């Protein structure tokens, strides 16, 4: 879920959910 959002948002960080904001 979050990973897809991260990619779409251009934000890719190594975290549990793939998204860290």
PDB file of N, CA and C in Angstrom:
ATOM      1  N   UNK A   1       0.837  -1.201   0.000  1.00  0.00           N
ATOM      2  CA  UNK A   1       0.000   0.000   0.000  1.00  0.00           C
ATOM      3  C   UNK A   1       0.874   1.254   0.000  1.00  0.00           C
ATOM      4  N   UNK A   2       1.554   1.465   1.102  1.00  0.00           N
ATOM      5  CA  UNK A   2       2.372   2.672   1.256  1.00  0.00           C
ATOM      6  C   UNK A   2       3.480   2.716   0.212  1.00  0.00           C
ATOM      7  N   UNK A   3       4.005   1.534  -0.127  1.00  0.00           N
ATOM      8  CA  UNK A   3       5.090   1.485  -1.112  1.00  0.00           C
ATOM      9  C   UNK A   3       4.625   2.088  -2.431  1.00  0.00           C
ATOM     10  N   UNK A   4       3.440   1.711  -2.869  1.00  0.00           N
ATOM     11  CA  UNK A   4       2.906   2.242  -4.124  1.00  0.00           C
ATOM     12  C   UNK A   4       2.741   3.752  -4.033  1.00  0.00           C
ATOM     13  N   UNK A   5       2.274   4.207  -2.899  1.00  0.00           N
ATOM     14  CA  UNK A   5       2.073   5.645  -2.700  1.00  0.00           C
ATOM     15  C   UNK A   5       3.419   6.356  -2.716  1.00  0.00           C
ATOM     16  N   UNK A   6       4.409   5.737  -2.103  1.00  0.00           N
ATOM     17  CA  UNK A   6       5.753   6.313  -2.047  1.00  0.00           C
ATOM     18  C   UNK A   6       6.316   6.444  -3.453  1.00  0.00           C
ATOM     19  N   UNK A   7       6.163   5.407  -4.256  1.00  0.00           N
ATOM     20  CA  UNK A   7       6.677   5.436  -5.629  1.00  0.00           C
ATOM     21  C   UNK A   7       5.955   6.509  -6.436  1.00  0.00           C
ATOM     22  N   UNK A   8       4.656   6.572  -6.289  1.00  0.00           N
ATOM     23  CA  UNK A   8       3.860   7.542  -7.039  1.00  0.00           C
ATOM     24  C   UNK A   8       4.216   8.960  -6.607  1.00  0.00           C
ATOM     25  N   UNK A   9       4.583   9.098  -5.340  1.00  0.00           N
ATOM     26  CA  UNK A   9       4.901  10.417  -4.813  1.00  0.00           C
ATOM     27  C   UNK A   9       6.371  10.753  -5.060  1.00  0.00           C
ATOM     28  N   UNK A  10       7.116   9.760  -5.568  1.00  0.00           N
ATOM     29  CA  UNK A  10       8.528  10.002  -5.850  1.00  0.00           C
ATOM     30  C   UNK A  10       9.357   9.893  -4.586  1.00  0.00           C
ATOM     31  N   UNK A  11       8.760   9.321  -3.552  1.00  0.00           N
ATOM     32  CA  UNK A  11       9.479   9.173  -2.287  1.00  0.00           C
ATOM     33  C   UNK A  11       9.676   7.690  -1.975  1.00  0.00           C
ATOM     34  N   UNK A  12      10.932   7.269  -1.963  1.00  0.00           N
ATOM     35  CA  UNK A  12      11.209   5.862  -1.677  1.00  0.00           C
ATOM     36  C   UNK A  12      12.277   5.778  -0.594  1.00  0.00           C
ATOM     37  N   UNK A  13      11.869   5.341   0.576  1.00  0.00           N
ATOM     38  CA  UNK A  13      12.805   5.249   1.696  1.00  0.00           C
ATOM     39  C   UNK A  13      12.741   3.858   2.323  1.00  0.00           C
ATOM     40  N   UNK A  14      13.867   3.364   2.801  1.00  0.00           N
ATOM     41  CA  UNK A  14      13.922   2.041   3.424  1.00  0.00           C
ATOM     42  C   UNK A  14      13.293   2.047   4.805  1.00  0.00           C
ATOM     43  N   UNK A  15      12.019   1.717   4.866  1.00  0.00           N
ATOM     44  CA  UNK A  15      11.335   1.659   6.152  1.00  0.00           C
ATOM     45  C   UNK A  15      10.437   0.429   6.185  1.00  0.00           C
ATOM     46  N   UNK A  16       9.818   0.180   7.309  1.00  0.00           N
ATOM     47  CA  UNK A  16       8.958  -0.987   7.439  1.00  0.00           C
ATOM     48  C   UNK A  16       7.863  -0.985   6.384  1.00  0.00           C
ATOM     49  N   UNK A  17       7.225   0.160   6.225  1.00  0.00           N
ATOM     50  CA  UNK A  17       6.107   0.245   5.291  1.00  0.00           C
ATOM     51  C   UNK A  17       6.557   0.754   3.930  1.00  0.00           C
ATOM     52  N   UNK A  18       7.856   1.060   3.825  1.00  0.00           N
ATOM     53  CA  UNK A  18       8.347   1.581   2.555  1.00  0.00           C
ATOM     54  C   UNK A  18       8.065   3.062   2.428  1.00  0.00           C
ATOM     55  N   UNK A  19       7.386   3.617   3.424  1.00  0.00           N
ATOM     56  CA  UNK A  19       7.072   5.045   3.380  1.00  0.00           C
ATOM     57  C   UNK A  19       7.297   5.649   4.757  1.00  0.00           C
ATOM     58  N   UNK A  20       8.092   6.708   4.810  1.00  0.00           N
ATOM     59  CA  UNK A  20       8.376   7.327   6.106  1.00  0.00           C
ATOM     60  C   UNK A  20       8.225   8.836   5.991  1.00  0.00           C
ATOM     61  N   UNK A  21       7.148   9.362   6.551  1.00  0.00           N
ATOM     62  CA  UNK A  21       6.910  10.807   6.471  1.00  0.00           C
ATOM     63  C   UNK A  21       6.532  11.352   7.843  1.00  0.00           C
TER      64      UNK A  21
END
